[in-house]
Protein backbone atom coordinates (compact mmCIF):
# COMPACT_ATOMS: atom_id res chain seq x y z
CA MET A 1 53.55 -47.80 -0.70
CA ALA A 2 54.44 -44.53 1.40
CA LYS A 3 52.25 -41.65 1.91
CA MET A 4 52.12 -38.06 2.80
CA LEU A 5 49.07 -36.96 4.42
CA VAL A 6 48.52 -33.19 4.54
CA ILE A 7 45.70 -31.66 6.22
CA TYR A 8 45.17 -28.05 6.21
CA LYS A 9 42.79 -26.07 8.58
CA THR A 10 40.19 -23.58 7.42
CA PRO A 11 42.39 -20.45 5.87
CA ALA A 12 41.48 -16.67 6.73
CA ASP A 13 40.44 -16.44 3.16
CA PRO A 14 39.31 -19.64 1.62
CA ALA A 15 39.05 -17.92 -2.20
CA ALA A 16 42.52 -16.64 -1.90
CA PHE A 17 43.76 -20.27 -0.55
CA ASP A 18 42.02 -22.12 -3.22
CA ARG A 19 43.60 -20.20 -5.78
CA HIS A 20 47.04 -20.34 -4.93
CA TYR A 21 46.63 -24.20 -3.94
CA PHE A 22 44.91 -25.54 -6.98
CA ASP A 23 46.33 -22.57 -9.45
CA ILE A 24 50.11 -22.87 -8.20
CA HIS A 25 50.82 -25.29 -5.76
CA LEU A 26 48.81 -28.25 -7.01
CA PRO A 27 50.86 -28.35 -10.51
CA LEU A 28 54.45 -27.60 -8.79
CA ALA A 29 53.53 -30.60 -6.31
CA LYS A 30 52.59 -33.05 -9.45
CA GLN A 31 56.36 -32.34 -10.80
CA LEU A 32 57.84 -34.04 -7.66
CA PRO A 33 59.97 -36.92 -8.56
CA GLY A 34 58.51 -41.00 -7.98
CA LEU A 35 54.97 -39.13 -7.05
CA ARG A 36 52.66 -42.00 -7.95
CA ARG A 37 49.38 -40.33 -7.18
CA TYR A 38 47.68 -37.14 -5.56
CA ASP A 39 44.50 -36.90 -4.09
CA VAL A 40 42.65 -34.13 -2.46
CA SER A 41 39.54 -34.10 -0.33
CA LYS A 42 37.61 -30.88 -0.04
CA GLN A 43 34.43 -30.22 1.84
CA PRO A 44 32.55 -31.86 2.96
CA ILE A 45 35.00 -33.61 5.49
CA VAL A 46 33.64 -35.15 8.62
CA ASN A 47 35.60 -34.82 11.45
CA MET A 48 34.44 -37.79 14.12
CA LEU A 49 36.07 -35.85 17.02
CA PRO A 50 35.83 -32.65 18.69
CA GLY A 51 37.81 -29.88 17.11
CA GLU A 52 37.96 -28.41 13.99
CA THR A 53 36.96 -29.64 10.91
CA PRO A 54 39.65 -29.75 8.18
CA TYR A 55 39.46 -27.70 5.06
CA ILE A 56 41.18 -29.92 2.96
CA VAL A 57 43.34 -33.14 3.37
CA ALA A 58 45.95 -34.18 0.67
CA THR A 59 47.37 -37.45 0.09
CA LEU A 60 50.56 -38.14 -1.95
CA TYR A 61 51.83 -41.36 -2.52
CA PHE A 62 55.26 -42.54 -3.33
CA ASP A 63 56.79 -46.19 -3.41
CA SER A 64 58.86 -45.60 0.03
CA LEU A 65 59.59 -43.28 2.55
CA ASP A 66 63.32 -43.11 1.09
CA ALA A 67 61.50 -42.15 -2.52
CA MET A 68 59.56 -39.62 -0.59
CA ARG A 69 62.45 -37.99 1.08
CA ALA A 70 64.64 -38.08 -2.44
CA ALA A 71 61.63 -36.02 -3.98
CA PHE A 72 61.73 -33.33 -1.33
CA ALA A 73 65.44 -33.11 -1.58
CA THR A 74 65.06 -31.77 -5.15
CA GLU A 75 64.41 -28.33 -6.51
CA ILE A 76 61.11 -29.14 -7.21
CA GLY A 77 60.68 -30.40 -3.43
CA LYS A 78 62.20 -27.65 -2.04
CA ALA A 79 60.17 -25.19 -4.23
CA CYS A 80 57.06 -27.02 -2.98
CA ALA A 81 58.15 -26.43 0.77
CA VAL A 82 58.89 -22.47 0.05
CA ASP A 83 55.41 -22.50 -1.82
CA ARG A 84 53.49 -24.15 0.91
CA ARG A 85 54.35 -21.48 3.66
CA LYS A 86 53.26 -18.57 1.28
CA TYR A 87 49.64 -20.17 1.49
CA ALA A 88 49.61 -22.30 4.80
CA PRO A 89 51.70 -21.22 7.71
CA ASP A 90 53.04 -23.74 9.82
CA ASP A 91 50.42 -23.34 12.52
CA ARG A 92 47.77 -24.21 9.80
CA VAL A 93 49.10 -27.35 8.52
CA THR A 94 49.58 -31.10 9.78
CA MET A 95 51.93 -33.15 7.69
CA LEU A 96 52.25 -37.11 8.60
CA LEU A 97 54.54 -39.38 6.32
CA PHE A 98 54.03 -43.08 6.75
CA ASP A 99 54.59 -46.46 5.08
CA SER A 100 51.30 -48.50 4.50
CA GLU A 101 50.38 -51.52 3.39
CA ALA A 102 47.35 -53.37 2.33
CA MET A 103 45.62 -55.78 5.31
C-alpha cells in the first residue's frame, strides 16, 4: 500500500480554509483514479516534538506509488494540485509519499 501524507500548517483564515478544503478540494480529490481511502485528522492533533502543531493531516491510500503517480498525472490529479495552491501555499503544507507494509 502506498500513502500520501499531507500535513497542513494552521492557515491565516481557518474558516476560509475549512470551507475550501471540505467543500471543494476534498470532493475533487476523492475522484482521483485508484484512490482506495482518504482520511482526515483534524484538531486536536498532538505534536510530540517542539514546533507548530499541524492544523489538518490527510492520508490518501493507493495500491502503489506508481498508481499514485498515475492518478496525479490525470486531469483530476492536475486539478487537485492547482486547487491545493489556492487554499494552502507551498510554505504551509508538507507532502510525503511512501510505501508501507503491515508489520
